[in-house]
Structures are given as C-alpha cells and as structure tokens.
Amino acid sequence: MAEKKSAIGFGFIPEESKHHFLVIVPKSKDGNVMVYERFRWENDRVVQSVNEAIDKPKAQISKHKWKLIQETLKKEFNDRLKKQNIVVGRWKTGQIPIENLLGKEMLLLIWAIEDSDPSVIPVAIRNWLGLEPEERWWLFTMANGATGGLYDRKGWRKAIRYALTENPIDNKKQHQEDLFEFLFNKKNE
C-alpha cells in the first residue's frame, strides 16, 4: 500500500498549490470563526500572518454556528481525503488551512447559514450533502464572482441561503432538480 500523502489541515499541500482557505477558530467560546482565501503560504511560519490587503476575508460566523457544522465538514472532507490517500484533518483552535476545492465547498455551507437562524442549520447541512462536489464548486463560483466578500450578502449569496435552508428535500435527485430550479427562478414555467 502506498504511503499516505502528507497534508496540512484538510488536504492542503503547499508544494502543489499555494491557493487555500484559512479557517481561524478563536479560543473564546463567544468569538467568531473567520475564513480567508489565500494565495500564499509562509513555509517558515507555524502561525500564518493574515493581511487583509492580500488575504481575502470571505466569511465570519459565530462559534456556535461553527460547532453545528464542523463535524459534518470533517466527515465529508476526511472521507474524500482517505479515498485520495491523503492524511486526514481535524478541527482545532487556531489556524486550519483547507485545500482550495474543499474550502469552496465549506464556504458554500457557511454562506448559507451566516445570516440564518441556527434552527435551520440541519436543513442546510442535509441539502449541502445532497449536492455533488462539482455542484458545490459551481455554486461557489457563481456567488463568489459578485458577492464573495466578507460583507456581501445579496444576489447569489442570498439565493444560496434560501436554497439550502428553505428547501428540505430528502430525495437527492429531486433535491438537486428543485434546488437548481429555485436558484434560476424557473418554477412553474
């Protein structure tokens, strides 16, 4: 059996690409979790420096909401990392780098719940899990183009929130069809 590929955080391998997302989980239980998109990695530093002029702040959620999604993210990401023979990750206090594509998927879920009542998070998780990774990447790309900043909460970003938190479908195929109809506002045509 081939040796597992070493990675930092969840699948981030700086030698392959510097593009990643950096999740910062505070020690304080009342603090906010921050997510940055970064295109650089400081090999000589244990703790990465964050410069908002270079590193793009993408999302901020309460630690309470973070705790409601972190196990789902961990399981989803680690299942896929295992299939790729990459060392799995874990959440901790401090900085956790996330491989680019996994980071896009994570942000999609965070954007869906950032302004939502915590009671709808299980629905958002179920709907997020119902999407294929490629669908998550596409939805991230659509939202990120116009509304990917920390305080951009309109347009595609708002549509993602409604689609994932107010669309509880159990059947995966039906869920995907309904979700895309909802996002493209093609219902009842």
N, C-alpha and C. Protein backbone atom coordinates (compact mmCIF):
# COMPACT_ATOMS: atom_id res chain seq x y z
N MET A 1 0.84 -1.18 0.00
CA MET A 1 0.00 0.00 0.00
C MET A 1 0.88 1.25 0.00
N ALA A 2 0.53 2.21 -0.82
CA ALA A 2 1.30 3.44 -0.93
C ALA A 2 1.19 4.26 0.35
N GLU A 3 2.27 4.97 0.65
CA GLU A 3 2.28 5.81 1.84
C GLU A 3 1.32 6.98 1.66
N LYS A 4 0.64 7.33 2.74
CA LYS A 4 -0.30 8.46 2.68
C LYS A 4 0.45 9.75 2.39
N LYS A 5 -0.19 10.58 1.56
CA LYS A 5 0.38 11.89 1.24
C LYS A 5 0.19 12.81 2.44
N SER A 6 1.23 13.49 2.80
CA SER A 6 1.18 14.43 3.92
C SER A 6 0.45 15.70 3.51
N ALA A 7 -0.33 16.26 4.42
CA ALA A 7 -1.06 17.49 4.16
C ALA A 7 -1.18 18.26 5.46
N ILE A 8 -1.46 19.54 5.33
CA ILE A 8 -1.68 20.40 6.49
C ILE A 8 -3.17 20.69 6.56
N GLY A 9 -3.74 20.67 7.75
CA GLY A 9 -5.17 20.95 7.89
C GLY A 9 -5.99 19.90 7.16
N PHE A 10 -6.83 20.36 6.25
CA PHE A 10 -7.67 19.45 5.46
C PHE A 10 -7.20 19.48 4.00
N GLY A 11 -6.26 18.59 3.70
CA GLY A 11 -5.84 18.37 2.32
C GLY A 11 -4.94 19.42 1.71
N PHE A 12 -4.48 20.40 2.47
CA PHE A 12 -3.64 21.45 1.91
C PHE A 12 -2.20 20.99 1.80
N ILE A 13 -1.68 21.01 0.58
CA ILE A 13 -0.30 20.61 0.30
C ILE A 13 0.38 21.81 -0.38
N PRO A 14 1.11 22.62 0.39
CA PRO A 14 1.68 23.86 -0.15
C PRO A 14 2.61 23.66 -1.35
N GLU A 15 3.23 22.48 -1.44
CA GLU A 15 4.14 22.21 -2.57
C GLU A 15 3.37 22.07 -3.88
N GLU A 16 2.08 21.74 -3.80
CA GLU A 16 1.27 21.57 -5.01
C GLU A 16 0.58 22.85 -5.44
N SER A 17 0.13 23.65 -4.47
CA SER A 17 -0.55 24.91 -4.76
C SER A 17 -0.57 25.76 -3.51
N LYS A 18 -0.35 27.04 -3.68
CA LYS A 18 -0.42 27.96 -2.54
C LYS A 18 -1.85 28.40 -2.25
N HIS A 19 -2.76 28.21 -3.22
CA HIS A 19 -4.15 28.64 -3.07
C HIS A 19 -4.84 27.75 -2.04
N HIS A 20 -5.38 28.38 -1.01
CA HIS A 20 -6.07 27.64 0.04
C HIS A 20 -6.99 28.59 0.78
N PHE A 21 -7.77 28.04 1.69
CA PHE A 21 -8.60 28.84 2.59
C PHE A 21 -8.05 28.60 3.99
N LEU A 22 -8.03 29.67 4.78
CA LEU A 22 -7.53 29.57 6.14
C LEU A 22 -8.68 29.86 7.10
N VAL A 23 -9.00 28.85 7.91
CA VAL A 23 -10.05 28.99 8.92
C VAL A 23 -9.34 29.34 10.22
N ILE A 24 -9.85 30.36 10.89
CA ILE A 24 -9.28 30.75 12.19
C ILE A 24 -10.36 30.60 13.25
N VAL A 25 -10.15 29.62 14.14
CA VAL A 25 -11.10 29.32 15.21
C VAL A 25 -10.56 29.93 16.50
N PRO A 26 -11.31 30.87 17.10
CA PRO A 26 -10.82 31.53 18.30
C PRO A 26 -10.90 30.64 19.54
N LYS A 27 -10.12 30.97 20.54
CA LYS A 27 -10.18 30.25 21.82
C LYS A 27 -11.47 30.59 22.55
N SER A 28 -11.87 31.83 22.46
CA SER A 28 -13.06 32.30 23.16
C SER A 28 -14.31 31.60 22.65
N LYS A 29 -15.19 31.17 23.55
CA LYS A 29 -16.40 30.48 23.11
C LYS A 29 -17.40 31.45 22.47
N ASP A 30 -17.24 32.74 22.73
CA ASP A 30 -18.13 33.74 22.15
C ASP A 30 -17.54 34.40 20.90
N GLY A 31 -16.35 34.02 20.52
CA GLY A 31 -15.69 34.62 19.36
C GLY A 31 -16.30 34.17 18.05
N ASN A 32 -15.84 34.78 16.99
CA ASN A 32 -16.28 34.42 15.64
C ASN A 32 -15.20 33.66 14.89
N VAL A 33 -15.63 32.70 14.10
CA VAL A 33 -14.73 31.95 13.23
C VAL A 33 -14.59 32.76 11.94
N MET A 34 -13.36 32.97 11.51
CA MET A 34 -13.08 33.73 10.28
C MET A 34 -12.54 32.79 9.21
N VAL A 35 -12.88 33.10 7.96
CA VAL A 35 -12.35 32.33 6.83
C VAL A 35 -11.74 33.31 5.84
N TYR A 36 -10.51 33.03 5.45
CA TYR A 36 -9.79 33.84 4.47
C TYR A 36 -9.42 32.98 3.27
N GLU A 37 -9.46 33.59 2.10
CA GLU A 37 -8.91 32.94 0.90
C GLU A 37 -7.51 33.50 0.72
N ARG A 38 -6.55 32.59 0.55
CA ARG A 38 -5.14 33.00 0.46
C ARG A 38 -4.48 32.37 -0.75
N PHE A 39 -3.50 33.09 -1.29
CA PHE A 39 -2.74 32.62 -2.44
C PHE A 39 -1.25 32.57 -2.12
N ARG A 40 -0.95 32.51 -0.85
CA ARG A 40 0.45 32.46 -0.41
C ARG A 40 0.54 31.56 0.82
N TRP A 41 1.73 31.02 1.04
CA TRP A 41 1.97 30.22 2.22
C TRP A 41 3.37 30.53 2.73
N GLU A 42 3.47 30.84 4.00
CA GLU A 42 4.75 31.16 4.61
C GLU A 42 5.34 29.89 5.22
N ASN A 43 6.21 29.24 4.46
CA ASN A 43 6.78 27.97 4.89
C ASN A 43 7.53 28.06 6.20
N ASP A 44 8.11 29.21 6.49
CA ASP A 44 8.93 29.36 7.67
C ASP A 44 8.14 29.75 8.92
N ARG A 45 6.81 29.78 8.82
CA ARG A 45 5.98 30.21 9.95
C ARG A 45 5.03 29.09 10.38
N VAL A 46 4.93 28.87 11.68
CA VAL A 46 3.95 27.93 12.23
C VAL A 46 2.57 28.58 12.17
N VAL A 47 2.49 29.84 12.58
CA VAL A 47 1.25 30.61 12.51
C VAL A 47 1.39 31.58 11.34
N GLN A 48 0.46 31.47 10.41
CA GLN A 48 0.49 32.32 9.23
C GLN A 48 0.09 33.76 9.57
N SER A 49 0.73 34.72 8.92
CA SER A 49 0.31 36.11 9.10
C SER A 49 -0.89 36.34 8.18
N VAL A 50 -1.85 37.09 8.66
CA VAL A 50 -3.03 37.41 7.86
C VAL A 50 -3.02 38.91 7.61
N ASN A 51 -3.03 39.26 6.34
CA ASN A 51 -3.01 40.66 5.93
C ASN A 51 -4.22 40.85 5.02
N GLU A 52 -5.22 41.60 5.48
CA GLU A 52 -6.46 41.75 4.73
C GLU A 52 -6.29 42.49 3.41
N ALA A 53 -5.14 43.11 3.19
CA ALA A 53 -4.86 43.74 1.89
C ALA A 53 -4.47 42.66 0.87
N ILE A 54 -3.98 41.53 1.36
CA ILE A 54 -3.54 40.44 0.47
C ILE A 54 -4.47 39.24 0.58
N ASP A 55 -4.79 38.86 1.81
CA ASP A 55 -5.65 37.70 2.07
C ASP A 55 -7.10 38.17 2.10
N LYS A 56 -7.95 37.50 1.35
CA LYS A 56 -9.34 37.94 1.20
C LYS A 56 -10.25 37.38 2.29
N PRO A 57 -10.79 38.26 3.15
CA PRO A 57 -11.76 37.76 4.13
C PRO A 57 -13.05 37.36 3.41
N LYS A 58 -13.49 36.13 3.64
CA LYS A 58 -14.64 35.59 2.90
C LYS A 58 -15.88 35.39 3.76
N ALA A 59 -15.69 35.06 5.04
CA ALA A 59 -16.85 34.78 5.89
C ALA A 59 -16.47 34.87 7.35
N GLN A 60 -17.50 35.12 8.13
CA GLN A 60 -17.36 35.16 9.59
C GLN A 60 -18.67 34.62 10.16
N ILE A 61 -18.56 33.60 11.02
CA ILE A 61 -19.75 33.08 11.69
C ILE A 61 -19.45 32.89 13.16
N SER A 62 -20.51 32.83 13.93
CA SER A 62 -20.34 32.63 15.36
C SER A 62 -19.76 31.24 15.62
N LYS A 63 -19.09 31.12 16.73
CA LYS A 63 -18.53 29.83 17.10
C LYS A 63 -19.65 28.81 17.33
N HIS A 64 -20.80 29.28 17.79
CA HIS A 64 -21.95 28.40 17.98
C HIS A 64 -22.37 27.76 16.65
N LYS A 65 -22.52 28.56 15.60
CA LYS A 65 -22.89 28.01 14.29
C LYS A 65 -21.78 27.11 13.75
N TRP A 66 -20.53 27.51 13.97
CA TRP A 66 -19.41 26.69 13.53
C TRP A 66 -19.48 25.30 14.14
N LYS A 67 -19.75 25.23 15.42
CA LYS A 67 -19.82 23.93 16.10
C LYS A 67 -20.93 23.05 15.51
N LEU A 68 -21.99 23.68 14.99
CA LEU A 68 -23.09 22.91 14.40
C LEU A 68 -22.74 22.31 13.04
N ILE A 69 -21.72 22.84 12.36
CA ILE A 69 -21.36 22.31 11.03
C ILE A 69 -20.01 21.61 10.99
N GLN A 70 -19.18 21.79 11.99
CA GLN A 70 -17.80 21.31 11.89
C GLN A 70 -17.68 19.79 11.76
N GLU A 71 -18.52 19.03 12.44
CA GLU A 71 -18.41 17.56 12.33
C GLU A 71 -18.82 17.07 10.94
N THR A 72 -19.85 17.69 10.38
CA THR A 72 -20.27 17.33 9.02
C THR A 72 -19.14 17.62 8.03
N LEU A 73 -18.55 18.80 8.14
CA LEU A 73 -17.44 19.16 7.26
C LEU A 73 -16.28 18.19 7.43
N LYS A 74 -15.93 17.90 8.66
CA LYS A 74 -14.82 16.99 8.94
C LYS A 74 -15.05 15.62 8.32
N LYS A 75 -16.24 15.07 8.51
CA LYS A 75 -16.54 13.75 7.96
C LYS A 75 -16.52 13.76 6.44
N GLU A 76 -17.19 14.73 5.84
CA GLU A 76 -17.23 14.83 4.37
C GLU A 76 -15.83 14.97 3.79
N PHE A 77 -15.04 15.86 4.34
CA PHE A 77 -13.69 16.10 3.81
C PHE A 77 -12.78 14.91 4.06
N ASN A 78 -12.81 14.35 5.26
CA ASN A 78 -11.92 13.23 5.56
C ASN A 78 -12.27 11.98 4.77
N ASP A 79 -13.55 11.75 4.51
CA ASP A 79 -13.92 10.60 3.66
C ASP A 79 -13.28 10.75 2.28
N ARG A 80 -13.30 11.94 1.75
CA ARG A 80 -12.73 12.16 0.41
C ARG A 80 -11.20 12.15 0.44
N LEU A 81 -10.61 12.67 1.51
CA LEU A 81 -9.15 12.65 1.62
C LEU A 81 -8.65 11.21 1.73
N LYS A 82 -9.37 10.37 2.47
CA LYS A 82 -8.98 8.96 2.59
C LYS A 82 -8.97 8.29 1.22
N LYS A 83 -9.97 8.58 0.39
CA LYS A 83 -10.04 7.99 -0.95
C LYS A 83 -8.86 8.43 -1.82
N GLN A 84 -8.31 9.60 -1.53
CA GLN A 84 -7.16 10.12 -2.28
C GLN A 84 -5.83 9.76 -1.62
N ASN A 85 -5.91 8.99 -0.53
CA ASN A 85 -4.74 8.56 0.22
C ASN A 85 -3.94 9.75 0.77
N ILE A 86 -4.69 10.73 1.27
CA ILE A 86 -4.11 11.92 1.89
C ILE A 86 -4.44 11.89 3.38
N VAL A 87 -3.48 12.28 4.19
CA VAL A 87 -3.68 12.32 5.64
C VAL A 87 -4.91 13.18 5.94
N VAL A 88 -5.76 12.69 6.85
CA VAL A 88 -7.00 13.39 7.20
C VAL A 88 -6.71 14.57 8.13
N GLY A 89 -7.71 15.44 8.25
CA GLY A 89 -7.56 16.62 9.08
C GLY A 89 -8.46 16.58 10.30
N ARG A 90 -8.30 17.59 11.13
CA ARG A 90 -9.16 17.75 12.30
C ARG A 90 -9.28 19.24 12.59
N TRP A 91 -10.38 19.58 13.23
CA TRP A 91 -10.58 20.97 13.64
C TRP A 91 -9.93 21.19 14.98
N LYS A 92 -9.40 22.37 15.18
CA LYS A 92 -8.77 22.74 16.44
C LYS A 92 -8.90 24.25 16.60
N THR A 93 -8.50 24.74 17.74
CA THR A 93 -8.44 26.18 17.96
C THR A 93 -7.22 26.71 17.21
N GLY A 94 -7.36 27.87 16.62
CA GLY A 94 -6.25 28.47 15.88
C GLY A 94 -6.49 28.40 14.39
N GLN A 95 -5.42 28.27 13.63
CA GLN A 95 -5.49 28.29 12.16
C GLN A 95 -5.51 26.89 11.57
N ILE A 96 -6.42 26.70 10.61
CA ILE A 96 -6.52 25.43 9.91
C ILE A 96 -6.61 25.72 8.42
N PRO A 97 -5.58 25.34 7.64
CA PRO A 97 -5.67 25.54 6.19
C PRO A 97 -6.55 24.45 5.55
N ILE A 98 -7.28 24.86 4.53
CA ILE A 98 -8.18 23.96 3.81
C ILE A 98 -7.80 24.01 2.33
N GLU A 99 -7.65 22.86 1.73
CA GLU A 99 -7.36 22.78 0.29
C GLU A 99 -8.41 23.59 -0.47
N ASN A 100 -8.01 24.18 -1.57
CA ASN A 100 -8.83 25.11 -2.34
C ASN A 100 -10.24 24.60 -2.63
N LEU A 101 -10.39 23.44 -3.23
CA LEU A 101 -11.73 22.95 -3.61
C LEU A 101 -12.57 22.62 -2.39
N LEU A 102 -11.96 22.03 -1.37
CA LEU A 102 -12.71 21.76 -0.13
C LEU A 102 -13.13 23.07 0.52
N GLY A 103 -12.27 24.06 0.45
CA GLY A 103 -12.59 25.37 1.01
C GLY A 103 -13.78 26.02 0.34
N LYS A 104 -13.88 25.85 -0.97
CA LYS A 104 -15.03 26.40 -1.70
C LYS A 104 -16.32 25.75 -1.23
N GLU A 105 -16.27 24.45 -1.02
CA GLU A 105 -17.45 23.73 -0.54
C GLU A 105 -17.83 24.16 0.87
N MET A 106 -16.83 24.32 1.71
CA MET A 106 -17.06 24.76 3.08
C MET A 106 -17.70 26.15 3.09
N LEU A 107 -17.18 27.05 2.28
CA LEU A 107 -17.72 28.41 2.24
C LEU A 107 -19.16 28.42 1.76
N LEU A 108 -19.50 27.55 0.83
CA LEU A 108 -20.89 27.50 0.36
C LEU A 108 -21.83 27.23 1.54
N LEU A 109 -21.46 26.27 2.38
CA LEU A 109 -22.29 25.97 3.55
C LEU A 109 -22.28 27.13 4.55
N ILE A 110 -21.13 27.72 4.77
CA ILE A 110 -21.05 28.86 5.70
C ILE A 110 -21.90 30.01 5.18
N TRP A 111 -21.82 30.32 3.90
CA TRP A 111 -22.62 31.41 3.34
C TRP A 111 -24.11 31.13 3.49
N ALA A 112 -24.48 29.87 3.41
CA ALA A 112 -25.90 29.52 3.54
C ALA A 112 -26.42 29.79 4.95
N ILE A 113 -25.56 29.66 5.94
CA ILE A 113 -26.03 29.77 7.34
C ILE A 113 -25.60 31.05 8.04
N GLU A 114 -24.77 31.86 7.42
CA GLU A 114 -24.20 33.01 8.12
C GLU A 114 -25.26 33.95 8.69
N ASP A 115 -26.37 34.16 7.98
CA ASP A 115 -27.43 35.04 8.46
C ASP A 115 -28.70 34.28 8.85
N SER A 116 -28.60 32.98 8.95
CA SER A 116 -29.77 32.16 9.24
C SER A 116 -29.91 31.88 10.73
N ASP A 117 -31.11 31.57 11.11
CA ASP A 117 -31.36 31.11 12.47
C ASP A 117 -30.69 29.74 12.62
N PRO A 118 -30.03 29.47 13.74
CA PRO A 118 -29.38 28.17 13.93
C PRO A 118 -30.32 26.97 13.77
N SER A 119 -31.62 27.17 13.95
CA SER A 119 -32.56 26.05 13.84
C SER A 119 -32.65 25.48 12.42
N VAL A 120 -32.25 26.24 11.40
CA VAL A 120 -32.33 25.74 10.02
C VAL A 120 -31.02 25.11 9.56
N ILE A 121 -30.01 25.11 10.41
CA ILE A 121 -28.72 24.55 10.01
C ILE A 121 -28.81 23.06 9.65
N PRO A 122 -29.57 22.23 10.37
CA PRO A 122 -29.69 20.83 9.92
C PRO A 122 -30.25 20.69 8.50
N VAL A 123 -31.18 21.55 8.13
CA VAL A 123 -31.72 21.53 6.76
C VAL A 123 -30.64 21.92 5.77
N ALA A 124 -29.88 22.97 6.10
CA ALA A 124 -28.79 23.41 5.22
C ALA A 124 -27.76 22.30 5.04
N ILE A 125 -27.42 21.62 6.13
CA ILE A 125 -26.45 20.53 6.05
C ILE A 125 -26.97 19.42 5.15
N ARG A 126 -28.22 19.03 5.35
CA ARG A 126 -28.80 17.95 4.54
C ARG A 126 -28.81 18.32 3.05
N ASN A 127 -29.19 19.55 2.75
CA ASN A 127 -29.22 19.99 1.36
C ASN A 127 -27.81 20.12 0.78
N TRP A 128 -26.88 20.60 1.57
CA TRP A 128 -25.48 20.72 1.14
C TRP A 128 -24.91 19.32 0.85
N LEU A 129 -25.20 18.37 1.73
CA LEU A 129 -24.73 17.00 1.50
C LEU A 129 -25.37 16.38 0.26
N GLY A 130 -26.56 16.84 -0.11
CA GLY A 130 -27.24 16.33 -1.29
C GLY A 130 -26.62 16.78 -2.60
N LEU A 131 -25.73 17.75 -2.55
CA LEU A 131 -25.06 18.24 -3.75
C LEU A 131 -23.76 17.49 -3.98
N GLU A 132 -23.44 17.27 -5.23
CA GLU A 132 -22.14 16.70 -5.59
C GLU A 132 -21.07 17.78 -5.42
N PRO A 133 -19.82 17.40 -5.19
CA PRO A 133 -18.76 18.41 -5.06
C PRO A 133 -18.73 19.40 -6.22
N GLU A 134 -18.91 18.90 -7.44
CA GLU A 134 -18.86 19.78 -8.62
C GLU A 134 -19.99 20.81 -8.59
N GLU A 135 -21.14 20.43 -8.07
CA GLU A 135 -22.26 21.37 -7.94
C GLU A 135 -21.94 22.43 -6.89
N ARG A 136 -21.31 22.01 -5.83
CA ARG A 136 -20.90 22.97 -4.80
C ARG A 136 -19.87 23.96 -5.35
N TRP A 137 -18.92 23.45 -6.13
CA TRP A 137 -17.90 24.34 -6.72
C TRP A 137 -18.55 25.35 -7.65
N TRP A 138 -19.50 24.88 -8.46
CA TRP A 138 -20.17 25.77 -9.40
C TRP A 138 -20.95 26.85 -8.65
N LEU A 139 -21.71 26.45 -7.63
CA LEU A 139 -22.47 27.43 -6.86
C LEU A 139 -21.54 28.42 -6.16
N PHE A 140 -20.43 27.95 -5.63
CA PHE A 140 -19.45 28.85 -5.03
C PHE A 140 -18.96 29.85 -6.06
N THR A 141 -18.61 29.37 -7.24
CA THR A 141 -18.08 30.24 -8.29
C THR A 141 -19.10 31.30 -8.68
N MET A 142 -20.36 30.92 -8.80
CA MET A 142 -21.39 31.89 -9.15
C MET A 142 -21.54 32.96 -8.06
N ALA A 143 -21.53 32.55 -6.82
CA ALA A 143 -21.68 33.51 -5.72
C ALA A 143 -20.42 34.34 -5.53
N ASN A 144 -19.28 33.71 -5.64
CA ASN A 144 -18.01 34.38 -5.36
C ASN A 144 -17.71 35.50 -6.35
N GLY A 145 -18.13 35.33 -7.59
CA GLY A 145 -17.83 36.33 -8.61
C GLY A 145 -18.35 37.72 -8.27
N ALA A 146 -19.54 37.80 -7.75
CA ALA A 146 -20.15 39.10 -7.46
C ALA A 146 -20.31 39.39 -5.97
N THR A 147 -20.42 38.33 -5.18
CA THR A 147 -20.74 38.54 -3.76
C THR A 147 -19.87 37.67 -2.86
N GLY A 148 -18.59 37.62 -3.13
CA GLY A 148 -17.71 36.74 -2.37
C GLY A 148 -16.96 37.39 -1.23
N GLY A 149 -17.23 38.66 -0.97
CA GLY A 149 -16.54 39.34 0.12
C GLY A 149 -17.20 39.08 1.47
N LEU A 150 -16.53 39.49 2.50
CA LEU A 150 -16.99 39.25 3.86
C LEU A 150 -18.40 39.80 4.11
N TYR A 151 -18.68 40.98 3.60
CA TYR A 151 -19.97 41.62 3.89
C TYR A 151 -20.95 41.60 2.73
N ASP A 152 -20.67 40.84 1.70
CA ASP A 152 -21.56 40.74 0.53
C ASP A 152 -22.67 39.74 0.82
N ARG A 153 -23.84 40.22 1.09
CA ARG A 153 -24.92 39.31 1.47
C ARG A 153 -26.15 39.56 0.61
N LYS A 154 -25.94 39.56 -0.70
CA LYS A 154 -27.01 39.82 -1.65
C LYS A 154 -26.83 38.89 -2.85
N GLY A 155 -27.73 38.98 -3.79
CA GLY A 155 -27.59 38.24 -5.04
C GLY A 155 -27.48 36.73 -4.84
N TRP A 156 -26.47 36.13 -5.46
CA TRP A 156 -26.26 34.69 -5.39
C TRP A 156 -26.07 34.23 -3.95
N ARG A 157 -25.42 35.03 -3.18
CA ARG A 157 -25.17 34.65 -1.78
C ARG A 157 -26.49 34.49 -1.04
N LYS A 158 -27.40 35.40 -1.26
CA LYS A 158 -28.72 35.33 -0.63
C LYS A 158 -29.50 34.13 -1.19
N ALA A 159 -29.40 33.91 -2.49
CA ALA A 159 -30.09 32.78 -3.12
C ALA A 159 -29.61 31.45 -2.55
N ILE A 160 -28.32 31.35 -2.30
CA ILE A 160 -27.76 30.13 -1.71
C ILE A 160 -28.35 29.90 -0.32
N ARG A 161 -28.46 30.98 0.45
CA ARG A 161 -29.04 30.83 1.80
C ARG A 161 -30.46 30.28 1.70
N TYR A 162 -31.28 30.87 0.85
CA TYR A 162 -32.66 30.40 0.72
C TYR A 162 -32.71 28.98 0.15
N ALA A 163 -31.89 28.70 -0.84
CA ALA A 163 -31.91 27.38 -1.46
C ALA A 163 -31.52 26.27 -0.49
N LEU A 164 -30.52 26.52 0.34
CA LEU A 164 -30.05 25.46 1.23
C LEU A 164 -30.80 25.41 2.56
N THR A 165 -31.36 26.52 3.00
CA THR A 165 -32.03 26.49 4.31
C THR A 165 -33.55 26.36 4.21
N GLU A 166 -34.12 26.63 3.04
CA GLU A 166 -35.57 26.59 2.92
C GLU A 166 -36.04 25.61 1.85
N ASN A 167 -35.27 24.60 1.60
CA ASN A 167 -35.58 23.65 0.54
C ASN A 167 -35.35 22.22 1.06
N PRO A 168 -36.10 21.78 2.07
CA PRO A 168 -35.84 20.46 2.67
C PRO A 168 -36.39 19.30 1.83
N ILE A 169 -35.54 18.73 1.03
CA ILE A 169 -35.91 17.60 0.18
C ILE A 169 -35.07 16.39 0.59
N ASP A 170 -35.72 15.26 0.79
CA ASP A 170 -34.99 14.05 1.17
C ASP A 170 -34.41 13.31 -0.02
N ASN A 171 -35.14 13.27 -1.12
CA ASN A 171 -34.69 12.55 -2.31
C ASN A 171 -33.59 13.36 -2.99
N LYS A 172 -32.38 12.78 -3.11
CA LYS A 172 -31.23 13.52 -3.64
C LYS A 172 -31.48 14.05 -5.04
N LYS A 173 -31.95 13.21 -5.95
CA LYS A 173 -32.16 13.65 -7.33
C LYS A 173 -33.21 14.76 -7.37
N GLN A 174 -34.31 14.57 -6.68
CA GLN A 174 -35.35 15.59 -6.66
C GLN A 174 -34.82 16.86 -6.02
N HIS A 175 -34.00 16.71 -4.98
CA HIS A 175 -33.42 17.87 -4.31
C HIS A 175 -32.61 18.70 -5.28
N GLN A 176 -31.74 18.05 -6.06
CA GLN A 176 -30.89 18.78 -6.97
C GLN A 176 -31.71 19.49 -8.03
N GLU A 177 -32.72 18.84 -8.57
CA GLU A 177 -33.56 19.48 -9.57
C GLU A 177 -34.29 20.68 -8.98
N ASP A 178 -34.87 20.52 -7.80
CA ASP A 178 -35.58 21.63 -7.15
C ASP A 178 -34.65 22.76 -6.79
N LEU A 179 -33.45 22.43 -6.31
CA LEU A 179 -32.50 23.47 -5.93
C LEU A 179 -32.13 24.32 -7.13
N PHE A 180 -31.81 23.69 -8.24
CA PHE A 180 -31.41 24.47 -9.41
C PHE A 180 -32.59 25.24 -9.99
N GLU A 181 -33.78 24.68 -9.94
CA GLU A 181 -34.95 25.44 -10.37
C GLU A 181 -35.14 26.66 -9.49
N PHE A 182 -34.96 26.48 -8.20
CA PHE A 182 -35.11 27.59 -7.26
C PHE A 182 -34.08 28.68 -7.56
N LEU A 183 -32.83 28.28 -7.75
CA LEU A 183 -31.77 29.25 -7.99
C LEU A 183 -31.97 30.00 -9.30
N PHE A 184 -32.53 29.36 -10.29
CA PHE A 184 -32.72 30.00 -11.58
C PHE A 184 -34.13 30.57 -11.73
N ASN A 185 -34.92 30.48 -10.65
CA ASN A 185 -36.26 31.06 -10.63
C ASN A 185 -37.10 30.57 -11.80
N LYS A 186 -37.05 29.26 -12.06
CA LYS A 186 -37.79 28.69 -13.17
C LYS A 186 -38.98 27.86 -12.73
N LYS A 187 -39.35 27.97 -11.48
CA LYS A 187 -40.50 27.19 -11.01
C LYS A 187 -41.77 27.60 -11.76
N ASN A 188 -42.64 26.61 -11.99
CA ASN A 188 -43.93 26.82 -12.63
C ASN A 188 -43.86 27.40 -14.03
N GLU A 189 -42.79 27.10 -14.77
CA GLU A 189 -42.72 27.55 -16.17
C GLU A 189 -43.39 26.54 -17.08
